[in-house]
Amino acid sequence: MHLDYETVVHFTKSWGLIYFIVLMAIVLVYAFWPGSKKKFDRAARMPLDDDTTDTPAAQGAENHG
């Protein structure tokens, strides 16, 4: 099979669009899946948590501070 520029462009125009539509559908299903809500809520609250001693960087700052 000879891959020239025209062949690659034709392939990406036809299958590339299908690939990105399928990929977007997978991302949307993952984002809106009911079981993911807890995970996303926990991640959204992480910057607001006062307990920062769980991270290794915070533990190192306590030891050297």
N, C-alpha and C. Protein backbone atom coordinates (compact mmCIF):
# COMPACT_ATOMS: atom_id res chain seq x y z
N MET A 1 0.84 -1.18 0.00
CA MET A 1 0.00 0.00 0.00
C MET A 1 0.88 1.23 0.00
N HIS A 2 0.61 2.12 -0.91
CA HIS A 2 1.38 3.34 -1.03
C HIS A 2 0.66 4.48 -0.31
N LEU A 3 1.30 5.02 0.72
CA LEU A 3 0.71 6.13 1.47
C LEU A 3 1.26 7.45 0.97
N ASP A 4 0.50 8.12 0.17
CA ASP A 4 0.88 9.46 -0.22
C ASP A 4 -0.01 10.47 0.51
N TYR A 5 0.21 11.72 0.28
CA TYR A 5 -0.51 12.77 0.99
C TYR A 5 -2.02 12.68 0.77
N GLU A 6 -2.44 12.43 -0.46
CA GLU A 6 -3.87 12.36 -0.77
C GLU A 6 -4.55 11.22 0.01
N THR A 7 -3.87 10.09 0.11
CA THR A 7 -4.43 8.95 0.83
C THR A 7 -4.59 9.25 2.31
N VAL A 8 -3.58 9.87 2.90
CA VAL A 8 -3.63 10.21 4.33
C VAL A 8 -4.73 11.24 4.59
N VAL A 9 -4.84 12.24 3.74
CA VAL A 9 -5.88 13.26 3.91
C VAL A 9 -7.26 12.64 3.78
N HIS A 10 -7.46 11.78 2.82
CA HIS A 10 -8.75 11.12 2.66
C HIS A 10 -9.09 10.26 3.88
N PHE A 11 -8.11 9.52 4.39
CA PHE A 11 -8.33 8.68 5.57
C PHE A 11 -8.69 9.53 6.78
N THR A 12 -7.96 10.61 7.01
CA THR A 12 -8.23 11.43 8.20
C THR A 12 -9.55 12.17 8.08
N LYS A 13 -9.92 12.57 6.90
CA LYS A 13 -11.22 13.24 6.74
C LYS A 13 -12.38 12.30 6.98
N SER A 14 -12.24 11.06 6.57
CA SER A 14 -13.35 10.12 6.74
C SER A 14 -13.35 9.47 8.11
N TRP A 15 -12.25 8.87 8.52
CA TRP A 15 -12.20 8.13 9.78
C TRP A 15 -11.84 8.99 10.98
N GLY A 16 -11.14 10.08 10.75
CA GLY A 16 -10.78 10.97 11.86
C GLY A 16 -12.00 11.58 12.53
N LEU A 17 -12.96 11.99 11.75
CA LEU A 17 -14.19 12.55 12.29
C LEU A 17 -14.95 11.50 13.11
N ILE A 18 -15.04 10.30 12.58
CA ILE A 18 -15.72 9.23 13.31
C ILE A 18 -14.98 8.93 14.61
N TYR A 19 -13.66 8.90 14.58
CA TYR A 19 -12.85 8.65 15.77
C TYR A 19 -13.13 9.70 16.84
N PHE A 20 -13.14 10.97 16.48
CA PHE A 20 -13.35 12.04 17.46
C PHE A 20 -14.79 12.06 17.98
N ILE A 21 -15.75 11.70 17.15
CA ILE A 21 -17.13 11.62 17.63
C ILE A 21 -17.28 10.49 18.65
N VAL A 22 -16.68 9.35 18.37
CA VAL A 22 -16.73 8.23 19.32
C VAL A 22 -15.99 8.60 20.61
N LEU A 23 -14.84 9.22 20.50
CA LEU A 23 -14.08 9.64 21.67
C LEU A 23 -14.87 10.64 22.51
N MET A 24 -15.51 11.60 21.88
CA MET A 24 -16.32 12.58 22.59
C MET A 24 -17.51 11.92 23.28
N ALA A 25 -18.12 10.94 22.63
CA ALA A 25 -19.24 10.23 23.24
C ALA A 25 -18.79 9.47 24.49
N ILE A 26 -17.61 8.86 24.43
CA ILE A 26 -17.07 8.15 25.60
C ILE A 26 -16.81 9.12 26.74
N VAL A 27 -16.24 10.26 26.45
CA VAL A 27 -15.96 11.28 27.48
C VAL A 27 -17.26 11.77 28.11
N LEU A 28 -18.27 12.03 27.29
CA LEU A 28 -19.55 12.51 27.83
C LEU A 28 -20.24 11.45 28.68
N VAL A 29 -20.19 10.19 28.25
CA VAL A 29 -20.79 9.12 29.05
C VAL A 29 -20.07 9.02 30.39
N TYR A 30 -18.74 9.10 30.39
CA TYR A 30 -17.98 9.05 31.64
C TYR A 30 -18.31 10.23 32.54
N ALA A 31 -18.40 11.42 31.96
CA ALA A 31 -18.65 12.62 32.77
C ALA A 31 -20.04 12.64 33.38
N PHE A 32 -21.02 12.14 32.66
CA PHE A 32 -22.39 12.20 33.15
C PHE A 32 -22.89 10.88 33.74
N TRP A 33 -22.01 9.90 33.88
CA TRP A 33 -22.39 8.63 34.49
C TRP A 33 -22.73 8.88 35.96
N PRO A 34 -23.85 8.35 36.45
CA PRO A 34 -24.26 8.64 37.83
C PRO A 34 -23.21 8.27 38.88
N GLY A 35 -22.45 7.24 38.68
CA GLY A 35 -21.44 6.85 39.65
C GLY A 35 -20.25 7.78 39.73
N SER A 36 -20.07 8.62 38.73
CA SER A 36 -18.93 9.55 38.72
C SER A 36 -19.19 10.80 39.53
N LYS A 37 -20.42 11.04 39.93
CA LYS A 37 -20.75 12.28 40.64
C LYS A 37 -19.97 12.42 41.94
N LYS A 38 -19.86 11.35 42.72
CA LYS A 38 -19.12 11.43 43.98
C LYS A 38 -17.66 11.78 43.74
N LYS A 39 -17.07 11.16 42.74
CA LYS A 39 -15.67 11.41 42.43
C LYS A 39 -15.45 12.87 42.02
N PHE A 40 -16.33 13.40 41.19
CA PHE A 40 -16.18 14.78 40.74
C PHE A 40 -16.47 15.78 41.86
N ASP A 41 -17.44 15.47 42.72
CA ASP A 41 -17.72 16.35 43.86
C ASP A 41 -16.53 16.38 44.81
N ARG A 42 -15.92 15.24 45.06
CA ARG A 42 -14.76 15.18 45.94
C ARG A 42 -13.59 15.96 45.33
N ALA A 43 -13.38 15.83 44.04
CA ALA A 43 -12.30 16.55 43.37
C ALA A 43 -12.56 18.06 43.37
N ALA A 44 -13.82 18.45 43.29
CA ALA A 44 -14.15 19.88 43.29
C ALA A 44 -13.91 20.51 44.65
N ARG A 45 -14.04 19.72 45.71
CA ARG A 45 -13.84 20.25 47.06
C ARG A 45 -12.39 20.19 47.54
N MET A 46 -11.54 19.49 46.83
CA MET A 46 -10.15 19.31 47.27
C MET A 46 -9.41 20.63 47.54
N PRO A 47 -9.50 21.63 46.69
CA PRO A 47 -8.78 22.88 46.98
C PRO A 47 -9.30 23.61 48.23
N LEU A 48 -10.51 23.31 48.65
CA LEU A 48 -11.11 24.01 49.78
C LEU A 48 -10.89 23.29 51.10
N ASP A 49 -10.37 22.07 51.05
CA ASP A 49 -10.15 21.32 52.28
C ASP A 49 -9.03 21.95 53.10
N ASP A 50 -9.21 21.98 54.43
CA ASP A 50 -8.19 22.54 55.31
C ASP A 50 -7.10 21.54 55.64
N ASP A 51 -7.38 20.26 55.51
CA ASP A 51 -6.43 19.22 55.84
C ASP A 51 -5.43 19.06 54.71
N THR A 52 -4.27 19.73 54.81
CA THR A 52 -3.25 19.66 53.77
C THR A 52 -2.08 18.78 54.20
N THR A 53 -2.18 18.11 55.34
CA THR A 53 -1.06 17.29 55.81
C THR A 53 -0.99 15.95 55.11
N ASP A 54 -1.93 15.64 54.25
CA ASP A 54 -1.91 14.36 53.54
C ASP A 54 -0.91 14.34 52.40
N THR A 55 -0.52 15.50 51.89
CA THR A 55 0.36 15.54 50.74
C THR A 55 1.81 15.44 51.19
N PRO A 56 2.66 14.77 50.42
CA PRO A 56 4.08 14.65 50.80
C PRO A 56 4.77 16.01 50.88
N ALA A 57 4.40 16.97 50.03
CA ALA A 57 5.02 18.28 50.07
C ALA A 57 4.70 18.99 51.39
N ALA A 58 3.48 18.85 51.87
CA ALA A 58 3.11 19.48 53.14
C ALA A 58 3.82 18.82 54.30
N GLN A 59 4.03 17.50 54.23
CA GLN A 59 4.74 16.81 55.30
C GLN A 59 6.19 17.22 55.34
N GLY A 60 6.80 17.44 54.17
CA GLY A 60 8.19 17.90 54.13
C GLY A 60 8.33 19.31 54.66
N ALA A 61 7.34 20.15 54.42
CA ALA A 61 7.38 21.53 54.91
C ALA A 61 7.26 21.55 56.42
N GLU A 62 6.50 20.62 57.00
CA GLU A 62 6.38 20.56 58.45
C GLU A 62 7.68 20.13 59.10
N ASN A 63 8.38 19.23 58.46
CA ASN A 63 9.62 18.72 59.04
C ASN A 63 10.76 19.72 58.94
N HIS A 64 10.76 20.54 57.89
CA HIS A 64 11.86 21.49 57.69
C HIS A 64 11.51 22.90 58.10
N GLY A 65 10.30 23.16 58.52
CA GLY A 65 9.83 24.50 58.78
C GLY A 65 10.12 24.94 60.14
